[in-house]
Amino acid sequence: MAAVRNILFIMADQLRADYLSCTGHPTLQTPHMDALAKRGVLFDRAYCQAPVCGPSRMSFYTGRYMTSHGATYNNVPLRATELTLGDYLRPLGYRVALVGKTHMKSDDEGMKRLGVDPKSSLGVLISECGFEPVERDDGLHPNQLLDPDLAYNTWLRNKGYVSDNPWHDFANAAEGPDGEILSGWYMRNANLPARIREEDSETPYMTDRAIDFIRESGDRPWCLHLSYIKPHWPYIAPAPYHNMYGIDQILPAHRREAERQNPHPVVEAFMQHEESVNFCRDEVRETVIPAYMGLVKQLDDHLGRLFAFLEASGRMQDTLIVLTSDHGDYLGDHWLGEKELFHEESVRIPMIVCHPDAAADATRGRVDHAFVEAIDLIPTFLEAAGGAPQPHRLEGRSLLPRLFGQGAAHWRDAAFSECDYAFRPARQTLNLPPDRARAYMVRTDRWKYIAYDGFRPQLFDLRDDPGEYTDLGESPDHAAIRADLAARLFDWLRQRRIRTTLSDAEVEKRTGTAKARGMLFGVW
């Protein structure tokens, strides 16, 4: 098996694992993502390490759990000293670039302490999570936070969309009967078409930037992180995608009235968030979800265009392709909106991996039920590129053995995820200090156990209750199971990679050598 020439790492923001036709959605057809799954392996039990944009992505980009990398929420800086994907692949000759979103906040204080100029070549890489920023666009540009140099806005103005903020006024807004702007921030407008030609909206724009990068890179090996902004809110799609799906084509809400009768205190606090209160209403779900589906369909169509370009240019034959998401979206399931908590709708992610080598032919089209985590991608890329493993830093495992049909033995039997909800109103509702708003999930084949700092745990029996409707966190019949899973979680916490500056092999070499180096302590 030869090292792969290129790596295409595709992420769609807030794409649910069950919103692809190849993962079972009955009415939303995604033929191009399905075709990729037939060319590769679909991992149907893949989990993010934190179901919110920033910390989830930092786990993807560092190969480390949230507890290890420390960037626990959106806009919490990632330490300047944390190694990221580019640090692992660039020494192997890869151009490691970004088109789209990272949601990374740079550690400006850390760079200042180290004497790194943020505008230097090194400073730019540290500030951009290790990526060469071909075009970074985190996809949320309200007028209050608008970057005057946003490339997409400049491009839109050159296309004739005249506005101080065409991202909002055209790409993420509809038009009223008298020409008034109806903001996409308001979910009541989600059933209306965005005020933009489809070919000028965000998904085709980012696809074009990716194609430009691949074409411009020529024969140089590259790793491109193509990070799509949609179907993340604002939930608004251009025509014809805005009304491609109707009310009769949306999934019924995954929720039961009993979930609201005696909810866990943290879940109850999240139920009081505005997005949750609104998504409890059928009118909201019936307005938003068809638009969400349209955005997924638009994504699939442009992925088809990208894959056709790769095929025509010969790159499909030498490029490792990954398609995934940073987290899901409740969309009203379990009486919740947004993400962050640990129901499958939020924490499980789509994961398709397609390796070009003939060694992977035996597994093409396979659905793999193993537990896979976001942190597995960097070890996968590193091995695929011919690099040496670095287990003293990286906490995931390479997926290549599973792609090559060698993965039956010695694989993990649980997945873990974390939550820091200190920045959310739920913490204030619960009267918690910021350092106590923590939660941890361990998910085994049958059980999902969730530990909350300061509150009772939750437990779900996924064999008998796959919908996660019945919380067994206080069931006396399940006390022993909860104790076993709590011990499992504690064991996991003790295994974090904290000695990152020295490999285990170097530790082995140094062990017991003090006397040979003249250190005669304890000698009579």
Protein backbone atom coordinates (compact mmCIF):
# COMPACT_ATOMS: atom_id res chain seq x y z
CA MET A 1 0.00 0.00 0.00
CA ALA A 2 1.39 3.39 -1.04
CA ALA A 3 0.86 6.60 0.89
CA VAL A 4 -2.09 8.60 -0.43
CA ARG A 5 -1.25 11.59 -2.55
CA ASN A 6 -4.01 13.91 -1.34
CA ILE A 7 -6.54 14.16 1.49
CA LEU A 8 -9.94 15.83 1.15
CA PHE A 9 -11.48 16.38 4.59
CA ILE A 10 -15.08 17.53 4.12
CA MET A 11 -17.18 18.73 7.03
CA ALA A 12 -20.76 20.02 6.93
CA ASP A 13 -21.74 22.11 9.91
CA GLN A 14 -24.64 20.76 11.99
CA LEU A 15 -25.47 17.89 9.62
CA ARG A 16 -27.35 15.14 11.45
CA ALA A 17 -26.24 11.55 10.98
CA ASP A 18 -29.77 10.47 10.01
CA TYR A 19 -30.26 13.13 7.31
CA LEU A 20 -28.64 11.18 4.47
CA SER A 21 -30.54 8.65 2.41
CA CYS A 22 -27.72 6.13 2.88
CA THR A 23 -28.24 6.38 6.67
CA GLY A 24 -31.96 5.84 6.41
CA HIS A 25 -33.75 9.12 5.80
CA PRO A 26 -36.92 8.08 3.98
CA THR A 27 -37.59 11.21 1.91
CA LEU A 28 -34.35 13.21 1.65
CA GLN A 29 -32.30 11.81 -1.22
CA THR A 30 -28.52 12.38 -1.13
CA PRO A 31 -27.24 10.34 -4.11
CA HIS A 32 -23.73 11.82 -4.18
CA MET A 33 -23.05 11.19 -0.49
CA ASP A 34 -24.57 7.75 -0.97
CA ALA A 35 -22.21 7.12 -3.89
CA LEU A 36 -19.24 8.08 -1.74
CA ALA A 37 -20.43 5.60 0.89
CA LYS A 38 -20.55 2.89 -1.79
CA ARG A 39 -16.95 3.72 -2.73
CA GLY A 40 -15.80 3.70 0.88
CA VAL A 41 -16.97 2.74 4.36
CA LEU A 42 -19.91 4.25 6.21
CA PHE A 43 -19.26 4.29 9.96
CA ASP A 44 -22.74 4.41 11.41
CA ARG A 45 -21.68 4.77 15.07
CA ALA A 46 -19.39 7.78 14.82
CA TYR A 47 -19.42 10.36 17.62
CA CYS A 48 -18.11 13.87 18.09
CA GLN A 49 -16.08 14.67 21.19
CA ALA A 50 -18.24 17.67 22.15
CA PRO A 51 -21.58 18.43 20.47
CA VAL A 52 -20.97 22.11 19.79
CA CYS A 53 -18.95 23.72 16.98
CA GLY A 54 -15.76 25.01 18.62
CA PRO A 55 -14.69 22.20 20.96
CA SER A 56 -15.82 19.52 18.51
CA ARG A 57 -13.67 20.97 15.76
CA MET A 58 -10.70 21.41 18.06
CA SER A 59 -10.90 17.68 18.77
CA PHE A 60 -11.05 16.93 15.05
CA TYR A 61 -8.06 19.21 14.41
CA THR A 62 -5.88 18.11 17.35
CA GLY A 63 -6.80 14.42 17.59
CA ARG A 64 -7.46 14.96 21.32
CA TYR A 65 -10.44 14.95 23.65
CA MET A 66 -11.88 18.25 24.87
CA THR A 67 -10.44 17.72 28.36
CA SER A 68 -7.00 17.35 26.77
CA HIS A 69 -6.96 20.32 24.39
CA GLY A 70 -8.86 22.68 26.72
CA ALA A 71 -10.82 24.71 24.13
CA THR A 72 -14.11 23.79 25.77
CA TYR A 73 -16.57 26.09 23.99
CA ASN A 74 -16.92 28.47 21.07
CA ASN A 75 -14.38 31.31 21.23
CA VAL A 76 -12.33 29.63 23.96
CA PRO A 77 -8.80 29.91 22.52
CA LEU A 78 -6.93 26.78 21.53
CA ARG A 79 -3.51 26.84 23.21
CA ALA A 80 -0.80 28.11 20.89
CA THR A 81 1.31 25.08 21.78
CA GLU A 82 -1.29 22.49 20.72
CA LEU A 83 -0.26 20.59 17.59
CA THR A 84 -2.90 20.41 14.89
CA LEU A 85 -3.44 18.58 11.62
CA GLY A 86 -1.05 20.82 9.71
CA ASP A 87 1.74 20.19 12.21
CA TYR A 88 1.48 16.46 11.52
CA LEU A 89 1.13 16.56 7.73
CA ARG A 90 3.19 19.56 6.65
CA PRO A 91 6.54 17.88 7.54
CA LEU A 92 5.47 15.00 5.27
CA GLY A 93 5.29 17.34 2.27
CA TYR A 94 1.59 18.17 2.29
CA ARG A 95 0.10 21.57 1.67
CA VAL A 96 -2.54 21.75 4.44
CA ALA A 97 -5.24 24.28 3.64
CA LEU A 98 -8.67 25.48 4.68
CA VAL A 99 -11.69 26.52 2.67
CA GLY A 100 -14.59 27.39 4.97
CA LYS A 101 -15.15 27.24 8.70
CA THR A 102 -13.03 26.30 11.72
CA HIS A 103 -14.70 28.24 14.57
CA MET A 104 -11.22 28.43 16.11
CA LYS A 105 -10.22 31.30 18.41
CA SER A 106 -6.52 32.03 18.38
CA ASP A 107 -4.49 32.13 21.58
CA ASP A 108 -3.29 35.71 21.22
CA GLU A 109 -1.92 35.88 24.76
CA GLY A 110 -0.03 32.64 24.26
CA MET A 111 1.57 33.89 21.05
CA LYS A 112 2.50 37.16 22.73
CA ARG A 113 4.19 35.28 25.58
CA LEU A 114 6.14 33.19 23.06
CA GLY A 115 7.11 36.22 20.99
CA VAL A 116 5.23 35.05 17.89
CA ASP A 117 3.99 37.79 15.57
CA PRO A 118 0.41 36.85 14.62
CA LYS A 119 1.05 38.23 11.12
CA SER A 120 4.17 36.14 10.54
CA SER A 121 3.93 32.88 8.60
CA LEU A 122 4.09 30.89 11.85
CA GLY A 123 1.66 33.24 13.57
CA VAL A 124 -0.88 32.85 10.77
CA LEU A 125 -0.72 29.07 11.02
CA ILE A 126 -1.15 29.14 14.81
CA SER A 127 -4.01 31.64 14.45
CA GLU A 128 -5.76 29.50 11.83
CA CYS A 129 -5.60 26.16 13.65
CA GLY A 130 -2.63 25.01 11.60
CA PHE A 131 -4.30 25.56 8.22
CA GLU A 132 -3.16 27.74 5.36
CA PRO A 133 -6.28 29.92 5.16
CA VAL A 134 -7.11 29.80 1.46
CA GLU A 135 -10.44 31.20 2.55
CA ARG A 136 -11.63 31.07 6.14
CA ASP A 137 -15.28 31.88 6.65
CA ASP A 138 -16.98 30.83 9.89
CA GLY A 139 -20.35 31.56 8.33
CA LEU A 140 -21.96 33.79 10.97
CA HIS A 141 -21.74 37.48 10.13
CA PRO A 142 -24.33 39.61 11.94
CA ASN A 143 -23.90 43.33 11.45
CA GLN A 144 -22.58 43.70 15.00
CA LEU A 145 -19.62 41.38 14.31
CA LEU A 146 -19.08 42.02 10.62
CA ASP A 147 -15.56 41.72 9.24
CA PRO A 148 -15.22 44.53 6.67
CA ASP A 149 -12.78 42.36 4.70
CA LEU A 150 -15.01 39.29 4.46
CA ALA A 151 -14.10 37.81 1.09
CA TYR A 152 -17.57 36.41 0.39
CA ASN A 153 -19.13 39.85 0.89
CA THR A 154 -16.63 41.46 -1.48
CA TRP A 155 -17.37 38.77 -4.05
CA LEU A 156 -21.12 39.29 -3.65
CA ARG A 157 -20.82 43.03 -4.13
CA ASN A 158 -18.85 42.44 -7.32
CA LYS A 159 -21.74 40.24 -8.46
CA GLY A 160 -24.17 43.12 -7.96
CA TYR A 161 -25.51 42.46 -4.46
CA VAL A 162 -25.25 46.00 -3.11
CA SER A 163 -25.18 46.12 0.68
CA ASP A 164 -22.87 46.75 3.61
CA ASN A 165 -23.48 43.11 4.55
CA PRO A 166 -24.73 41.07 1.58
CA TRP A 167 -24.09 37.86 3.56
CA HIS A 168 -27.08 38.84 5.66
CA ASP A 169 -29.15 41.00 3.32
CA PHE A 170 -29.08 38.57 0.39
CA ALA A 171 -27.58 35.13 1.17
CA ASN A 172 -29.35 34.80 4.52
CA ALA A 173 -32.49 36.85 4.12
CA ALA A 174 -35.76 36.64 2.19
CA GLU A 175 -37.81 39.45 0.67
CA GLY A 176 -41.23 40.66 1.78
CA PRO A 177 -44.10 41.69 -0.48
CA ASP A 178 -42.98 45.33 -0.46
CA GLY A 179 -39.30 44.54 -1.02
CA GLU A 180 -38.43 44.59 2.68
CA ILE A 181 -35.61 42.39 4.00
CA LEU A 182 -36.86 39.45 6.06
CA SER A 183 -33.92 38.23 8.11
CA GLY A 184 -32.99 34.55 8.09
CA TRP A 185 -32.15 34.88 11.77
CA TYR A 186 -35.91 34.60 12.37
CA MET A 187 -37.04 31.04 11.86
CA ARG A 188 -40.47 32.17 10.73
CA ASN A 189 -38.84 33.13 7.40
CA ALA A 190 -37.25 29.74 6.78
CA ASN A 191 -39.86 28.69 4.21
CA LEU A 192 -39.06 31.66 1.96
CA PRO A 193 -36.32 31.73 -0.70
CA ALA A 194 -33.12 33.59 0.06
CA ARG A 195 -32.62 36.81 -1.92
CA ILE A 196 -29.77 35.34 -3.91
CA ARG A 197 -29.22 33.29 -7.03
CA GLU A 198 -28.57 29.69 -6.07
CA GLU A 199 -25.17 29.66 -7.76
CA ASP A 200 -24.08 32.65 -5.63
CA SER A 201 -25.07 31.19 -2.24
CA GLU A 202 -22.60 29.89 0.31
CA THR A 203 -22.47 26.19 -0.58
CA PRO A 204 -21.66 26.59 -4.30
CA TYR A 205 -19.28 29.43 -3.48
CA MET A 206 -17.21 27.28 -1.10
CA THR A 207 -17.29 24.40 -3.58
CA ASP A 208 -15.85 26.70 -6.23
CA ARG A 209 -13.10 27.86 -3.89
CA ALA A 210 -12.19 24.22 -3.19
CA ILE A 211 -12.05 23.40 -6.90
CA ASP A 212 -9.87 26.47 -7.49
CA PHE A 213 -7.47 25.29 -4.76
CA ILE A 214 -7.21 21.75 -6.10
CA ARG A 215 -6.65 22.98 -9.63
CA GLU A 216 -4.06 25.55 -8.51
CA SER A 217 -2.16 22.99 -6.37
CA GLY A 218 -1.22 20.99 -9.46
CA ASP A 219 1.08 18.09 -8.66
CA ARG A 220 1.89 19.16 -5.10
CA PRO A 221 0.34 16.84 -2.46
CA TRP A 222 -2.35 18.55 -0.45
CA CYS A 223 -4.72 18.10 2.45
CA LEU A 224 -7.76 20.34 2.03
CA HIS A 225 -10.26 20.89 4.81
CA LEU A 226 -13.42 21.87 2.94
CA SER A 227 -15.68 23.00 5.77
CA TYR A 228 -19.19 23.88 4.63
CA ILE A 229 -21.22 26.44 6.58
CA LYS A 230 -24.63 24.89 5.96
CA PRO A 231 -27.00 23.35 6.99
CA HIS A 232 -26.18 25.29 10.19
CA TRP A 233 -28.60 28.12 10.91
CA PRO A 234 -29.67 30.68 9.74
CA TYR A 235 -32.10 28.15 8.28
CA ILE A 236 -32.76 29.69 4.89
CA ALA A 237 -32.13 28.28 1.43
CA PRO A 238 -32.12 29.74 -2.07
CA ALA A 239 -34.67 28.68 -4.66
CA PRO A 240 -35.39 25.95 -5.67
CA TYR A 241 -34.16 24.34 -2.45
CA HIS A 242 -36.33 26.44 -0.13
CA ASN A 243 -39.53 24.53 -0.97
CA MET A 244 -38.20 21.28 -2.40
CA TYR A 245 -39.60 19.41 0.62
CA GLY A 246 -42.99 19.61 2.26
CA ILE A 247 -44.46 19.01 5.67
CA ASP A 248 -45.41 15.46 4.74
CA GLN A 249 -41.72 14.65 4.05
CA ILE A 250 -40.24 15.57 7.43
CA LEU A 251 -39.46 13.02 10.10
CA PRO A 252 -41.88 12.87 13.03
CA ALA A 253 -40.54 14.43 16.19
CA HIS A 254 -38.48 12.02 18.32
CA ARG A 255 -40.03 12.96 21.63
CA ARG A 256 -42.56 11.83 24.19
CA GLU A 257 -44.63 13.78 26.66
CA ALA A 258 -43.14 11.76 29.51
CA GLU A 259 -39.74 13.37 28.84
CA ARG A 260 -41.19 16.65 30.11
CA GLN A 261 -42.78 15.20 33.23
CA ASN A 262 -39.69 14.63 35.36
CA PRO A 263 -36.70 15.73 33.29
CA HIS A 264 -33.13 15.77 34.47
CA PRO A 265 -32.41 19.26 35.92
CA VAL A 266 -29.79 20.09 33.27
CA VAL A 267 -32.00 18.88 30.42
CA GLU A 268 -34.92 20.82 31.88
CA ALA A 269 -32.80 23.98 31.95
CA PHE A 270 -31.93 23.48 28.28
CA MET A 271 -35.64 22.96 27.53
CA GLN A 272 -36.18 26.53 28.72
CA HIS A 273 -33.84 28.00 26.10
CA GLU A 274 -35.66 30.03 23.45
CA GLU A 275 -34.67 27.69 20.64
CA SER A 276 -36.06 24.72 22.56
CA VAL A 277 -39.32 26.46 23.47
CA ASN A 278 -39.87 27.41 19.83
CA PHE A 279 -38.92 24.02 18.38
CA CYS A 280 -41.54 22.44 20.65
CA ARG A 281 -44.16 23.99 18.36
CA ASP A 282 -45.20 22.02 15.29
CA GLU A 283 -45.41 25.26 13.29
CA VAL A 284 -41.70 25.88 13.84
CA ARG A 285 -40.63 22.35 12.93
CA GLU A 286 -42.84 22.39 9.84
CA THR A 287 -41.30 25.70 8.73
CA VAL A 288 -37.65 25.00 9.54
CA ILE A 289 -37.08 21.33 8.78
CA PRO A 290 -38.02 21.52 5.07
CA ALA A 291 -35.48 24.35 4.71
CA TYR A 292 -32.88 22.29 6.60
CA MET A 293 -33.55 19.41 4.24
CA GLY A 294 -33.21 21.74 1.26
CA LEU A 295 -29.83 22.90 2.50
CA VAL A 296 -28.70 19.28 2.84
CA LYS A 297 -29.93 18.55 -0.69
CA GLN A 298 -28.07 21.59 -2.02
CA LEU A 299 -24.93 20.37 -0.27
CA ASP A 300 -25.30 16.95 -1.87
CA ASP A 301 -25.75 18.45 -5.33
CA HIS A 302 -22.56 20.49 -5.06
CA LEU A 303 -20.64 17.58 -3.61
CA GLY A 304 -21.66 15.78 -6.79
CA ARG A 305 -20.15 18.62 -8.78
CA LEU A 306 -16.96 18.45 -6.72
CA PHE A 307 -16.67 14.67 -7.08
CA ALA A 308 -17.20 14.97 -10.86
CA PHE A 309 -14.32 17.44 -10.98
CA LEU A 310 -12.10 15.09 -8.99
CA GLU A 311 -12.96 12.25 -11.35
CA ALA A 312 -12.30 14.29 -14.47
CA SER A 313 -8.98 15.60 -13.14
CA GLY A 314 -7.75 12.16 -12.03
CA ARG A 315 -7.76 13.09 -8.36
CA MET A 316 -10.44 10.62 -7.32
CA GLN A 317 -7.90 7.85 -7.88
CA ASP A 318 -5.27 9.22 -5.48
CA THR A 319 -7.25 11.13 -2.84
CA LEU A 320 -8.44 9.93 0.54
CA ILE A 321 -11.87 11.46 1.12
CA VAL A 322 -13.66 11.91 4.45
CA LEU A 323 -17.18 13.30 4.80
CA THR A 324 -18.43 14.14 8.28
CA SER A 325 -20.04 16.77 10.51
CA ASP A 326 -19.05 18.52 13.72
CA HIS A 327 -22.33 17.62 15.51
CA GLY A 328 -26.03 17.19 14.91
CA ASP A 329 -29.13 19.32 15.44
CA TYR A 330 -32.08 18.56 17.73
CA LEU A 331 -34.70 20.22 15.48
CA GLY A 332 -37.26 19.81 18.26
CA ASP A 333 -36.47 16.20 19.16
CA HIS A 334 -36.62 15.51 22.91
CA TRP A 335 -38.22 18.96 23.26
CA LEU A 336 -34.89 20.63 22.49
CA GLY A 337 -33.34 22.91 19.91
CA GLU A 338 -29.70 23.38 18.89
CA LYS A 339 -27.26 20.67 20.10
CA GLU A 340 -24.80 20.37 23.09
CA LEU A 341 -26.44 17.54 25.02
CA PHE A 342 -25.90 13.84 24.37
CA HIS A 343 -28.94 12.41 22.64
CA GLU A 344 -28.05 10.62 19.41
CA GLU A 345 -29.57 13.47 17.36
CA SER A 346 -26.91 15.80 18.77
CA VAL A 347 -23.78 13.75 19.44
CA ARG A 348 -23.78 11.14 16.65
CA ILE A 349 -22.31 12.32 13.36
CA PRO A 350 -22.16 11.04 9.79
CA MET A 351 -18.79 9.55 8.86
CA ILE A 352 -17.85 8.24 5.41
CA VAL A 353 -14.23 7.39 4.61
CA CYS A 354 -13.11 6.47 1.10
CA HIS A 355 -9.52 5.30 0.52
CA PRO A 356 -8.34 5.15 -3.11
CA ASP A 357 -5.95 2.22 -2.71
CA ALA A 358 -6.88 -1.22 -4.04
CA ALA A 359 -6.20 -2.57 -0.54
CA ALA A 360 -9.53 -1.04 0.48
CA ASP A 361 -11.54 -2.74 -2.29
CA ALA A 362 -12.78 -5.51 0.02
CA THR A 363 -14.61 -3.07 2.30
CA ARG A 364 -16.12 -0.72 -0.30
CA GLY A 365 -19.79 -0.20 0.40
CA ARG A 366 -19.55 -1.65 3.89
CA VAL A 367 -21.47 -0.25 6.84
CA ASP A 368 -19.15 -0.55 9.83
CA HIS A 369 -20.82 -0.62 13.26
CA ALA A 370 -17.65 -0.01 15.28
CA PHE A 371 -17.47 2.97 17.62
CA VAL A 372 -15.58 5.70 15.79
CA GLU A 373 -14.69 9.11 17.20
CA ALA A 374 -13.74 12.45 15.68
CA ILE A 375 -10.24 12.12 17.13
CA ASP A 376 -9.61 9.12 14.86
CA LEU A 377 -9.14 11.23 11.76
CA ILE A 378 -5.67 12.67 12.42
CA PRO A 379 -4.19 9.22 13.18
CA THR A 380 -5.88 7.99 9.98
CA PHE A 381 -4.46 10.84 7.90
CA LEU A 382 -1.04 10.48 9.48
CA GLU A 383 -0.82 6.78 8.70
CA ALA A 384 -2.24 7.25 5.20
CA ALA A 385 0.44 9.88 4.52
CA GLY A 386 3.23 7.56 5.65
CA GLY A 387 3.94 9.31 8.95
CA ALA A 388 4.96 7.68 12.21
CA PRO A 389 2.23 7.29 14.87
CA GLN A 390 2.37 9.66 17.83
CA PRO A 391 0.29 7.99 20.55
CA HIS A 392 1.75 10.10 23.35
CA ARG A 393 -0.21 13.05 21.90
CA LEU A 394 -2.94 11.62 19.70
CA GLU A 395 -5.82 10.01 21.56
CA GLY A 396 -7.64 8.51 18.58
CA ARG A 397 -6.91 5.45 16.46
CA SER A 398 -6.24 5.09 12.74
CA LEU A 399 -9.19 3.81 10.74
CA LEU A 400 -6.99 2.32 8.02
CA PRO A 401 -7.07 -1.22 9.45
CA ARG A 402 -10.86 -1.10 9.32
CA LEU A 403 -10.77 0.22 5.74
CA PHE A 404 -8.47 -2.64 4.76
CA GLY A 405 -10.54 -5.32 6.45
CA GLN A 406 -8.25 -5.82 9.43
CA GLY A 407 -10.25 -4.12 12.15
CA ALA A 408 -12.21 -6.85 13.92
CA ALA A 409 -9.94 -7.26 16.96
CA HIS A 410 -8.75 -4.86 19.66
CA TRP A 411 -11.07 -1.99 18.80
CA ARG A 412 -12.74 0.30 21.35
CA ASP A 413 -16.05 -0.80 22.80
CA ALA A 414 -17.29 2.63 23.87
CA ALA A 415 -17.41 6.24 22.70
CA PHE A 416 -16.95 9.35 24.86
CA SER A 417 -18.09 12.93 24.59
CA GLU A 418 -18.04 16.03 26.81
CA CYS A 419 -19.95 19.25 27.39
CA ASP A 420 -19.05 22.59 28.94
CA TYR A 421 -22.27 24.60 29.15
CA ALA A 422 -20.81 27.46 31.22
CA PHE A 423 -21.65 29.99 28.51
CA ARG A 424 -25.30 28.98 28.21
CA PRO A 425 -28.34 30.34 30.09
CA ALA A 426 -28.94 26.83 31.48
CA ARG A 427 -26.02 27.35 33.84
CA GLN A 428 -27.60 30.50 35.26
CA THR A 429 -30.96 28.76 35.58
CA LEU A 430 -29.22 26.09 37.65
CA ASN A 431 -27.29 28.71 39.68
CA LEU A 432 -23.94 27.11 38.90
CA PRO A 433 -20.51 28.77 38.83
CA PRO A 434 -18.76 28.54 35.43
CA ASP A 435 -16.40 25.77 36.51
CA ARG A 436 -19.23 23.41 37.52
CA ALA A 437 -21.18 23.33 34.25
CA ARG A 438 -19.67 20.08 32.98
CA ALA A 439 -21.07 16.82 31.66
CA TYR A 440 -19.53 13.62 30.30
CA MET A 441 -20.94 10.78 28.20
CA VAL A 442 -19.88 7.18 27.79
CA ARG A 443 -21.82 5.18 25.22
CA THR A 444 -21.39 1.40 25.02
CA ASP A 445 -23.18 -1.08 22.81
CA ARG A 446 -26.19 -1.20 25.10
CA TRP A 447 -25.90 1.71 27.54
CA LYS A 448 -25.48 5.46 27.47
CA TYR A 449 -24.36 6.96 30.78
CA ILE A 450 -24.12 10.72 31.33
CA ALA A 451 -22.42 12.21 34.38
CA TYR A 452 -23.18 15.80 35.41
CA ASP A 453 -21.11 17.78 37.86
CA GLY A 454 -23.37 18.41 40.84
CA PHE A 455 -26.41 16.45 39.63
CA ARG A 456 -27.56 12.87 39.37
CA PRO A 457 -26.50 10.93 36.28
CA GLN A 458 -28.64 9.80 33.37
CA LEU A 459 -28.78 6.28 31.99
CA PHE A 460 -30.45 4.99 28.83
CA ASP A 461 -30.88 1.39 27.71
CA LEU A 462 -30.26 1.65 23.97
CA ARG A 463 -31.27 -1.95 23.32
CA ASP A 464 -34.77 -1.66 24.80
CA ASP A 465 -35.14 2.11 24.41
CA PRO A 466 -33.21 3.20 21.29
CA GLY A 467 -35.12 6.49 21.21
CA GLU A 468 -33.69 7.49 24.62
CA TYR A 469 -37.09 8.31 26.06
CA THR A 470 -36.78 6.61 29.46
CA ASP A 471 -34.12 7.94 31.84
CA LEU A 472 -32.95 5.22 34.22
CA GLY A 473 -30.68 7.55 36.16
CA GLU A 474 -32.67 7.04 39.37
CA SER A 475 -33.79 3.45 38.82
CA PRO A 476 -32.77 1.28 41.80
CA ASP A 477 -32.68 -1.75 39.50
CA HIS A 478 -29.88 -0.17 37.47
CA ALA A 479 -27.62 1.07 40.29
CA ALA A 480 -24.91 -1.51 39.56
CA ILE A 481 -24.85 -0.61 35.87
CA ARG A 482 -24.51 3.08 36.70
CA ALA A 483 -21.65 2.30 39.07
CA ASP A 484 -19.85 0.26 36.42
CA LEU A 485 -20.20 3.02 33.84
CA ALA A 486 -19.12 5.71 36.30
CA ALA A 487 -15.98 3.66 36.94
CA ARG A 488 -15.51 3.33 33.20
CA LEU A 489 -15.73 7.09 32.82
CA PHE A 490 -13.24 7.66 35.64
CA ASP A 491 -10.85 5.20 34.03
CA TRP A 492 -11.14 7.09 30.74
CA LEU A 493 -10.41 10.42 32.42
CA ARG A 494 -7.23 9.00 33.94
CA GLN A 495 -5.94 7.93 30.54
CA ARG A 496 -5.72 11.37 28.93
CA ARG A 497 -2.46 12.11 27.13
CA ILE A 498 -0.83 14.72 29.37
CA ARG A 499 2.86 13.95 28.72
CA THR A 500 2.79 15.39 25.20
CA THR A 501 6.39 16.61 24.95
CA LEU A 502 8.04 13.20 25.27
CA SER A 503 7.14 9.93 23.57
CA ASP A 504 6.64 6.67 25.47
CA ALA A 505 9.59 5.23 23.54
CA GLU A 506 11.83 7.98 24.92
CA VAL A 507 10.53 7.30 28.42
CA GLU A 508 11.46 3.64 28.00
CA LYS A 509 14.98 4.61 26.90
CA ARG A 510 15.48 6.84 29.94
CA THR A 511 14.00 4.51 32.55
CA GLY A 512 16.57 3.20 35.05
CA THR A 513 19.55 5.05 33.53
CA ALA A 514 20.31 7.40 36.44
CA LYS A 515 23.35 5.46 37.70
CA ALA A 516 24.86 5.22 34.21
CA ARG A 517 24.57 9.00 34.02
CA GLY A 518 26.39 9.48 37.33
CA MET A 519 23.32 10.06 39.49
CA LEU A 520 24.21 7.84 42.49
CA PHE A 521 21.22 8.52 44.73
CA GLY A 522 20.46 5.93 47.43
CA VAL A 523 23.84 4.16 47.11
CA TRP A 524 25.54 2.95 50.35
